[in-house]
Amino acid sequence: MYFHNYQPILVQNKLNLKQDINMKNKETMKDRKSSQLWSRSHISGEHARQTFSKLKIEAKRNVLKVLRSLKPIFSYLALKGIGLILFTLFFIMSANAQENVKQLQPISAKRPHVVQPNWKLVKVNTANIKTKYIGVPYSNVSKTQTLDIYLPNKGKGPFPVILAVHGGAFVWGNSFLRDDVGPQLEGVNRGYAVVSVNYRLSGEAPFPRAVNDVKAAVRFIKANAKKYNLNPNKIAAWGCSAGGNLVSMLGTTANVNNLNGDDTSNLKYSSRVQAVVDWYGPTDFLKFNKYFKEYGVKPLFGSNQTDNSFESWYIGQNIAKDPSFTEKANPETYIQTMNPKTAPYFFIEHGTKDQNVPTLESVHFAHQLEAKIGKNKVTLVLLKGEVHGGPKFRTPQNLNMVYQFLDKVLKNKE
């Protein structure tokens, strides 16, 4: 029984064992396949990650290449933008700076006692000029602050400008004075616009108001250039006697900000001019007596270091009372502020027998200018035997010489 019963059990055990082995083998195969699948998927995922990483790096490289190629364009735009911003800021700051600078004021608010000579001032004839604007206000501080604009009968413009500044010892004169603005008005026949300016005389307001006014006139021309068909970058200032002093002040004080005075109009424009024609203008009032003596010429009005000299009326007190203030009306005082590159060209002319303004005033002024801005920018002509404002200045030959100078500077003609 024992063996009989054991045999089926054994067989059954063998069958069970075989089934277990088969099951284990199947599980093993299944696990192996799973392992292979996991391994393959792992390898496939790793490959994908590596491929993506490579593509990402390549994409970055391509982007960098594109950015590098665009760098010059970005740099240009950035510089242009920065430049525009800086220019705008500089423009605003310059205008504000000029407004905030403490301005030179008259030494005395009291008007000097000026006796107007009973002269008949001969008016210039402008009937042949078709396009003109008379009595145009360039400021609103005084009714005197007007100018007259004359345009050539021929040509389209914009025209180069001659700013005509009359003389009259700072005491009399106006924008119609024939002998003082007639030579400049010849410019309309030569392709120039002529702007003749009125400024406050010493009987209305002493120095520096006349200087303030001619500076304001230049700024007005630039601010309204388009309206009147003017070239704001081609301006010559031409004056005689007192006007010679004022145009010389324009020429030497372009970089000086305390001479705008009580006129704050158009301050975003400069009063810089490109050329100056100074006919027998005074410079250093305090050296009149010395220069007359050195040159052997007797002054027509005696010493100017008196309370009633034209120069003392202009300064607002005896010129010898405060020499440092008087020197502020001297164009030579500001020569060292000039930049040779931007300084205007000067044409200075004087008669050798001048009894009103010493000839040596112009000689020394020219020499000082030459030392600072160069001989090529300064022309000095002495008319032998000519007096103050004499007829030799207005001869066709002399006017041709002046206009050849202006054509060279303003029209680039040799």
Protein backbone atom coordinates (compact mmCIF):
# COMPACT_ATOMS: atom_id res chain seq x y z
CA MET A 1 0.00 0.00 0.00
CA TYR A 2 2.70 2.14 0.96
CA PHE A 3 4.46 1.88 -2.40
CA HIS A 4 1.25 1.77 -4.24
CA ASN A 5 0.17 5.02 -2.71
CA TYR A 6 3.61 6.63 -3.11
CA GLN A 7 3.96 6.11 -6.81
CA PRO A 8 1.07 8.34 -7.88
CA ILE A 9 2.26 10.98 -5.48
CA LEU A 10 5.72 10.89 -6.97
CA VAL A 11 4.41 11.08 -10.49
CA GLN A 12 2.18 13.91 -9.47
CA ASN A 13 5.13 15.68 -7.83
CA LYS A 14 7.17 15.27 -10.98
CA LEU A 15 4.36 16.75 -13.01
CA ASN A 16 4.07 19.63 -10.58
CA LEU A 17 7.81 20.18 -10.68
CA LYS A 18 7.82 20.23 -14.44
CA GLN A 19 4.99 22.72 -14.47
CA ASP A 20 6.85 24.90 -11.99
CA ILE A 21 9.96 24.79 -14.15
CA ASN A 22 7.96 25.67 -17.23
CA MET A 23 6.31 28.52 -15.42
CA LYS A 24 9.65 29.81 -14.20
CA ASN A 25 11.08 29.51 -17.68
CA LYS A 26 8.17 31.47 -19.07
CA GLU A 27 8.56 34.12 -16.41
CA THR A 28 12.27 34.25 -17.08
CA MET A 29 11.67 34.67 -20.81
CA LYS A 30 9.06 37.27 -20.10
CA ASP A 31 11.40 39.11 -17.77
CA ARG A 32 14.19 38.84 -20.35
CA LYS A 33 11.95 40.23 -23.07
CA SER A 34 10.83 43.01 -20.74
CA SER A 35 14.42 43.70 -19.93
CA GLN A 36 15.32 43.79 -23.61
CA LEU A 37 12.39 46.07 -24.32
CA TRP A 38 13.35 48.35 -21.42
CA SER A 39 16.95 48.38 -22.59
CA ARG A 40 15.92 49.20 -26.13
CA SER A 41 13.55 51.90 -24.99
CA HIS A 42 16.20 53.28 -22.68
CA ILE A 43 18.71 53.35 -25.49
CA SER A 44 16.12 54.92 -27.81
CA GLY A 45 15.26 57.62 -25.21
CA GLU A 46 18.90 58.38 -24.55
CA HIS A 47 19.50 58.71 -28.29
CA ALA A 48 16.57 61.05 -28.57
CA ARG A 49 17.87 63.17 -25.73
CA GLN A 50 21.32 63.32 -27.28
CA THR A 51 19.85 64.19 -30.67
CA PHE A 52 17.66 66.91 -29.18
CA SER A 53 20.65 68.28 -27.29
CA LYS A 54 22.66 68.41 -30.51
CA LEU A 55 19.81 70.14 -32.33
CA LYS A 56 19.47 72.60 -29.48
CA ILE A 57 23.18 73.43 -29.59
CA GLU A 58 23.05 73.77 -33.37
CA ALA A 59 20.02 76.04 -33.12
CA LYS A 60 21.84 78.23 -30.61
CA ARG A 61 24.80 78.42 -32.95
CA ASN A 62 22.57 79.44 -35.85
CA VAL A 63 20.87 82.09 -33.73
CA LEU A 64 24.25 83.44 -32.66
CA LYS A 65 25.38 83.52 -36.27
CA VAL A 66 22.30 85.51 -37.24
CA LEU A 67 22.78 87.89 -34.31
CA ARG A 68 26.44 88.34 -35.21
CA SER A 69 25.49 89.17 -38.78
CA LEU A 70 22.96 91.72 -37.49
CA LYS A 71 25.36 93.21 -34.97
CA PRO A 72 26.53 96.05 -37.28
CA ILE A 73 22.91 97.00 -37.94
CA PHE A 74 22.03 96.91 -34.24
CA SER A 75 25.17 98.88 -33.42
CA TYR A 76 24.33 101.52 -36.04
CA LEU A 77 20.75 101.83 -34.83
CA ALA A 78 21.88 101.96 -31.22
CA LEU A 79 24.50 104.59 -31.93
CA LYS A 80 22.07 106.57 -34.00
CA GLY A 81 19.49 106.37 -31.27
CA ILE A 82 21.99 107.28 -28.58
CA GLY A 83 23.37 110.06 -30.77
CA LEU A 84 19.90 111.46 -31.32
CA ILE A 85 19.15 111.30 -27.60
CA LEU A 86 22.46 112.96 -26.72
CA PHE A 87 21.98 115.63 -29.37
CA THR A 88 18.48 116.39 -28.10
CA LEU A 89 19.71 116.56 -24.51
CA PHE A 90 22.62 118.80 -25.52
CA PHE A 91 20.26 121.05 -27.48
CA ILE A 92 17.90 121.40 -24.52
CA MET A 93 20.74 121.83 -22.03
CA SER A 94 22.42 124.46 -24.21
CA ALA A 95 19.25 126.50 -24.47
CA ASN A 96 18.63 126.16 -20.72
CA ALA A 97 22.26 126.95 -19.96
CA GLN A 98 22.06 130.18 -21.96
CA GLU A 99 18.87 131.14 -20.16
CA ASN A 100 20.46 130.48 -16.77
CA VAL A 101 23.75 132.30 -17.40
CA LYS A 102 24.02 135.57 -15.52
CA GLN A 103 23.84 138.26 -18.16
CA LEU A 104 26.05 141.33 -18.35
CA GLN A 105 23.97 144.34 -17.34
CA PRO A 106 24.41 148.06 -18.10
CA ILE A 107 26.65 149.81 -15.61
CA SER A 108 23.91 152.38 -15.06
CA ALA A 109 20.17 152.22 -15.58
CA LYS A 110 20.12 155.99 -16.03
CA ARG A 111 20.08 157.10 -19.63
CA PRO A 112 23.07 159.22 -20.57
CA HIS A 113 22.38 162.80 -21.64
CA VAL A 114 22.69 162.69 -25.41
CA VAL A 115 22.21 165.76 -27.58
CA GLN A 116 20.95 164.59 -30.98
CA PRO A 117 22.73 166.54 -33.72
CA ASN A 118 20.36 168.33 -36.07
CA TRP A 119 21.48 166.24 -39.05
CA LYS A 120 19.42 165.26 -42.02
CA LEU A 121 20.14 161.57 -42.37
CA VAL A 122 20.03 160.69 -46.06
CA LYS A 123 17.78 157.72 -46.72
CA VAL A 124 18.90 154.89 -49.00
CA ASN A 125 16.88 154.32 -52.16
CA THR A 126 15.34 150.83 -52.32
CA ALA A 127 12.72 151.46 -54.99
CA ASN A 128 14.31 148.96 -57.41
CA ILE A 129 14.07 146.06 -54.95
CA LYS A 130 10.85 144.12 -55.56
CA THR A 131 10.71 141.81 -52.53
CA LYS A 132 11.22 143.52 -49.18
CA TYR A 133 9.86 143.37 -45.66
CA ILE A 134 10.20 146.64 -43.75
CA GLY A 135 10.06 147.12 -39.98
CA VAL A 136 9.94 143.46 -39.01
CA PRO A 137 10.20 143.11 -35.20
CA TYR A 138 12.96 140.72 -34.16
CA SER A 139 12.22 141.13 -30.45
CA ASN A 140 9.64 142.73 -28.17
CA VAL A 141 11.83 144.39 -25.54
CA SER A 142 11.92 147.72 -27.38
CA LYS A 143 10.11 149.29 -30.32
CA THR A 144 13.53 150.03 -31.77
CA GLN A 145 14.18 146.32 -32.36
CA THR A 146 13.14 146.05 -35.99
CA LEU A 147 14.87 145.02 -39.19
CA ASP A 148 14.34 145.32 -42.91
CA ILE A 149 14.73 142.35 -45.26
CA TYR A 150 15.59 142.76 -48.95
CA LEU A 151 15.71 139.84 -51.38
CA PRO A 152 17.36 139.69 -54.82
CA ASN A 153 15.10 140.26 -57.81
CA LYS A 154 16.58 137.15 -59.42
CA GLY A 155 17.26 133.68 -58.09
CA LYS A 156 15.31 131.10 -56.12
CA GLY A 157 17.24 131.02 -52.84
CA PRO A 158 17.64 130.31 -50.06
CA PHE A 159 19.96 133.30 -50.27
CA PRO A 160 23.15 133.95 -48.31
CA VAL A 161 22.64 136.88 -45.95
CA ILE A 162 24.40 140.19 -45.38
CA LEU A 163 23.46 141.68 -42.01
CA ALA A 164 23.91 145.45 -42.38
CA VAL A 165 24.66 147.31 -39.13
CA HIS A 166 24.66 151.12 -39.39
CA GLY A 167 27.07 153.44 -37.63
CA GLY A 168 26.56 156.79 -35.90
CA ALA A 169 28.81 156.77 -32.81
CA PHE A 170 26.16 154.64 -31.02
CA VAL A 171 24.16 157.90 -30.80
CA TRP A 172 22.25 158.25 -34.07
CA GLY A 173 21.52 156.39 -37.27
CA ASN A 174 19.00 153.85 -38.50
CA SER A 175 18.48 150.98 -40.93
CA PHE A 176 17.88 153.37 -43.87
CA LEU A 177 21.12 155.37 -43.55
CA ARG A 178 22.42 155.66 -47.12
CA ASP A 179 26.17 155.77 -46.66
CA ASP A 180 26.08 153.13 -43.92
CA VAL A 181 23.84 150.48 -45.52
CA GLY A 182 23.97 151.48 -49.19
CA PRO A 183 27.16 149.47 -49.86
CA GLN A 184 25.57 146.36 -48.29
CA LEU A 185 22.37 146.79 -50.32
CA GLU A 186 24.46 146.38 -53.45
CA GLY A 187 24.38 142.74 -52.39
CA VAL A 188 20.84 142.22 -53.71
CA ASN A 189 22.28 142.71 -57.21
CA ARG A 190 24.87 140.02 -56.48
CA GLY A 191 22.63 137.23 -55.17
CA TYR A 192 22.57 138.20 -51.49
CA ALA A 193 19.66 138.85 -49.18
CA VAL A 194 20.31 141.98 -47.13
CA VAL A 195 18.95 142.44 -43.62
CA SER A 196 19.41 145.95 -42.21
CA VAL A 197 18.97 146.14 -38.45
CA ASN A 198 17.97 148.85 -35.98
CA TYR A 199 19.43 148.58 -32.49
CA ARG A 200 19.01 150.52 -29.26
CA LEU A 201 21.20 153.62 -29.30
CA SER A 202 22.99 154.96 -26.24
CA GLY A 203 20.27 157.56 -25.66
CA GLU A 204 17.80 154.72 -25.08
CA ALA A 205 20.00 152.12 -23.40
CA PRO A 206 23.78 151.98 -22.91
CA PHE A 207 26.12 149.05 -23.47
CA PRO A 208 25.61 146.10 -23.74
CA ARG A 209 22.10 146.59 -25.17
CA ALA A 210 23.27 147.28 -28.73
CA VAL A 211 25.29 144.06 -28.64
CA ASN A 212 22.29 142.19 -27.22
CA ASP A 213 20.21 143.49 -30.12
CA VAL A 214 22.47 142.51 -33.01
CA LYS A 215 22.84 139.04 -31.48
CA ALA A 216 19.06 138.75 -31.24
CA ALA A 217 18.79 139.85 -34.89
CA VAL A 218 21.08 137.02 -36.00
CA ARG A 219 19.06 134.50 -34.01
CA PHE A 220 15.86 135.86 -35.57
CA ILE A 221 17.31 135.39 -39.05
CA LYS A 222 18.14 131.76 -38.29
CA ALA A 223 14.78 131.05 -36.65
CA ASN A 224 12.87 132.55 -39.60
CA ALA A 225 15.17 131.58 -42.44
CA LYS A 226 12.63 129.36 -44.16
CA LYS A 227 9.90 131.99 -43.96
CA TYR A 228 12.05 134.64 -45.67
CA ASN A 229 14.00 132.33 -48.00
CA LEU A 230 17.33 132.89 -46.22
CA ASN A 231 20.29 130.57 -45.75
CA PRO A 232 20.84 130.37 -41.97
CA ASN A 233 24.33 128.89 -42.41
CA LYS A 234 25.66 131.64 -44.67
CA ILE A 235 25.57 134.94 -42.82
CA ALA A 236 28.00 137.85 -43.05
CA ALA A 237 27.79 140.83 -40.68
CA TRP A 238 28.91 144.12 -42.26
CA GLY A 239 29.05 147.37 -40.33
CA CYS A 240 30.86 150.68 -40.32
CA SER A 241 32.10 152.83 -37.44
CA ALA A 242 29.93 151.94 -34.41
CA GLY A 243 28.43 149.21 -36.60
CA GLY A 244 31.97 147.97 -37.20
CA ASN A 245 32.38 147.51 -33.46
CA LEU A 246 29.09 145.63 -33.22
CA VAL A 247 29.79 143.22 -36.10
CA SER A 248 33.25 142.57 -34.65
CA MET A 249 31.59 141.75 -31.35
CA LEU A 250 29.38 139.29 -33.22
CA GLY A 251 32.49 137.76 -34.75
CA THR A 252 34.42 137.26 -31.51
CA THR A 253 31.65 136.39 -29.02
CA ALA A 254 29.91 133.40 -30.59
CA ASN A 255 31.10 131.25 -27.66
CA VAL A 256 30.16 133.83 -25.01
CA ASN A 257 26.76 133.33 -23.35
CA ASN A 258 26.45 136.38 -21.09
CA LEU A 259 25.81 138.92 -23.85
CA ASN A 260 22.24 137.91 -24.75
CA GLY A 261 21.05 140.39 -22.18
CA ASP A 262 17.36 141.14 -21.69
CA ASP A 263 16.38 139.40 -24.91
CA THR A 264 15.66 135.68 -24.48
CA SER A 265 14.02 135.11 -27.85
CA ASN A 266 15.22 132.27 -30.11
CA LEU A 267 17.96 131.23 -27.70
CA LYS A 268 18.09 127.74 -29.19
CA TYR A 269 19.83 129.40 -32.16
CA SER A 270 23.35 130.78 -31.94
CA SER A 271 24.46 134.26 -32.99
CA ARG A 272 27.44 132.81 -34.88
CA VAL A 273 28.18 134.32 -38.28
CA GLN A 274 30.47 133.07 -41.04
CA ALA A 275 32.04 136.38 -42.09
CA VAL A 276 32.62 139.87 -40.71
CA VAL A 277 33.25 143.06 -42.70
CA ASP A 278 34.47 145.72 -40.29
CA TRP A 279 34.78 149.20 -41.76
CA TYR A 280 36.75 151.57 -39.47
CA GLY A 281 35.13 150.21 -36.30
CA PRO A 282 36.47 151.13 -32.83
CA THR A 283 37.72 148.34 -30.59
CA ASP A 284 39.69 149.45 -27.53
CA PHE A 285 38.16 152.76 -26.38
CA LEU A 286 40.81 153.21 -23.70
CA LYS A 287 43.65 153.34 -26.27
CA PHE A 288 42.23 156.04 -28.54
CA ASN A 289 44.52 158.76 -27.19
CA LYS A 290 47.60 156.50 -27.30
CA TYR A 291 46.98 155.30 -30.85
CA PHE A 292 46.23 158.78 -32.24
CA LYS A 293 49.49 160.01 -30.78
CA GLU A 294 51.52 157.06 -32.08
CA TYR A 295 50.07 157.42 -35.58
CA GLY A 296 50.53 161.19 -35.66
CA VAL A 297 46.85 162.02 -36.22
CA LYS A 298 44.98 164.69 -34.30
CA PRO A 299 41.61 163.40 -32.98
CA LEU A 300 38.63 165.35 -34.30
CA PHE A 301 36.78 165.28 -30.98
CA GLY A 302 39.75 165.46 -28.60
CA SER A 303 40.20 162.94 -25.79
CA ASN A 304 37.42 160.39 -25.42
CA GLN A 305 38.11 159.89 -21.70
CA THR A 306 35.54 162.47 -20.68
CA ASP A 307 31.99 162.20 -19.41
CA ASN A 308 30.56 163.53 -22.66
CA SER A 309 32.45 161.55 -25.27
CA PHE A 310 30.47 159.28 -27.57
CA GLU A 311 32.23 156.27 -26.08
CA SER A 312 31.40 157.34 -22.50
CA TRP A 313 27.76 157.85 -23.45
CA TYR A 314 27.74 154.36 -24.92
CA ILE A 315 29.35 152.74 -21.87
CA GLY A 316 27.04 154.68 -19.50
CA GLN A 317 29.81 156.51 -17.64
CA ASN A 318 33.28 157.90 -18.23
CA ILE A 319 35.18 155.08 -19.94
CA ALA A 320 38.14 155.61 -17.57
CA LYS A 321 36.04 155.17 -14.43
CA ASP A 322 35.84 151.39 -14.62
CA PRO A 323 38.35 150.15 -17.22
CA SER A 324 37.47 146.48 -16.67
CA PHE A 325 33.83 147.15 -17.59
CA THR A 326 34.79 149.33 -20.56
CA GLU A 327 36.93 146.50 -21.91
CA LYS A 328 33.85 144.31 -22.11
CA ALA A 329 32.79 146.43 -25.10
CA ASN A 330 36.09 145.65 -26.83
CA PRO A 331 35.93 142.77 -29.37
CA GLU A 332 39.57 141.98 -28.61
CA THR A 333 38.57 140.95 -25.07
CA TYR A 334 36.89 137.82 -26.41
CA ILE A 335 39.41 136.65 -29.00
CA GLN A 336 40.75 133.93 -26.71
CA THR A 337 37.29 132.33 -26.54
CA MET A 338 37.28 131.77 -30.30
CA ASN A 339 37.73 128.39 -31.96
CA PRO A 340 39.90 128.70 -35.10
CA LYS A 341 37.81 126.04 -36.85
CA THR A 342 34.47 127.76 -36.32
CA ALA A 343 35.64 131.38 -36.21
CA PRO A 344 34.35 133.63 -39.00
CA TYR A 345 36.51 135.21 -41.68
CA PHE A 346 37.31 138.89 -41.12
CA PHE A 347 37.70 141.68 -43.67
CA ILE A 348 38.91 144.81 -41.84
CA GLU A 349 39.31 148.12 -43.65
CA HIS A 350 40.39 151.51 -42.34
CA GLY A 351 41.57 154.86 -43.71
CA THR A 352 45.03 156.07 -42.71
CA LYS A 353 43.80 159.64 -42.04
CA ASP A 354 40.89 158.72 -39.81
CA GLN A 355 40.39 161.36 -37.09
CA ASN A 356 37.37 159.70 -35.49
CA VAL A 357 38.69 156.19 -34.83
CA PRO A 358 42.45 155.56 -34.75
CA THR A 359 43.73 153.46 -37.66
CA LEU A 360 45.82 151.47 -35.21
CA GLU A 361 42.61 150.14 -33.65
CA SER A 362 42.06 148.04 -36.77
CA VAL A 363 45.73 147.17 -37.16
CA HIS A 364 46.09 145.77 -33.66
CA PHE A 365 42.71 144.03 -33.85
CA ALA A 366 43.75 142.27 -37.06
CA HIS A 367 47.07 141.17 -35.58
CA GLN A 368 45.42 139.70 -32.49
CA LEU A 369 42.92 137.84 -34.64
CA GLU A 370 45.69 136.43 -36.83
CA ALA A 371 47.51 135.11 -33.77
CA LYS A 372 44.40 133.21 -32.64
CA ILE A 373 42.50 132.08 -35.74
CA GLY A 374 45.21 132.24 -38.42
CA LYS A 375 46.29 134.70 -41.11
CA ASN A 376 44.16 132.94 -43.72
CA LYS A 377 41.04 134.11 -41.89
CA VAL A 378 41.99 137.78 -41.57
CA THR A 379 42.25 140.42 -44.31
CA LEU A 380 43.42 143.93 -43.40
CA VAL A 381 43.19 146.76 -45.95
CA LEU A 382 44.39 150.30 -45.21
CA LEU A 383 43.12 152.99 -47.59
CA LYS A 384 45.93 155.48 -47.90
CA GLY A 385 44.95 159.06 -47.09
CA GLU A 386 41.27 158.23 -46.52
CA VAL A 387 39.27 159.75 -43.67
CA HIS A 388 36.52 158.25 -41.53
CA GLY A 389 33.75 157.01 -43.83
CA GLY A 390 35.31 158.65 -46.87
CA PRO A 391 34.22 158.03 -50.48
CA LYS A 392 37.03 155.59 -51.27
CA PHE A 393 35.18 152.94 -49.28
CA ARG A 394 32.21 153.09 -51.66
CA THR A 395 34.03 153.07 -54.99
CA PRO A 396 33.19 150.21 -57.39
CA GLN A 397 36.76 148.91 -57.09
CA ASN A 398 36.62 148.73 -53.31
CA LEU A 399 33.14 147.21 -53.27
CA ASN A 400 34.26 144.56 -55.76
CA MET A 401 37.10 143.65 -53.38
CA VAL A 402 34.68 143.28 -50.47
CA TYR A 403 32.23 141.20 -52.49
CA GLN A 404 35.01 138.95 -53.77
CA PHE A 405 35.79 138.25 -50.12
CA LEU A 406 32.13 137.52 -49.37
CA ASP A 407 31.73 135.32 -52.47
CA LYS A 408 34.72 133.27 -51.41
CA VAL A 409 33.39 132.70 -47.90
CA LEU A 410 29.64 132.43 -48.49
CA LYS A 411 29.50 131.13 -52.06
CA ASN A 412 32.75 129.15 -52.15
CA LYS A 413 33.98 131.16 -55.14
CA GLU A 414 37.71 131.60 -55.65
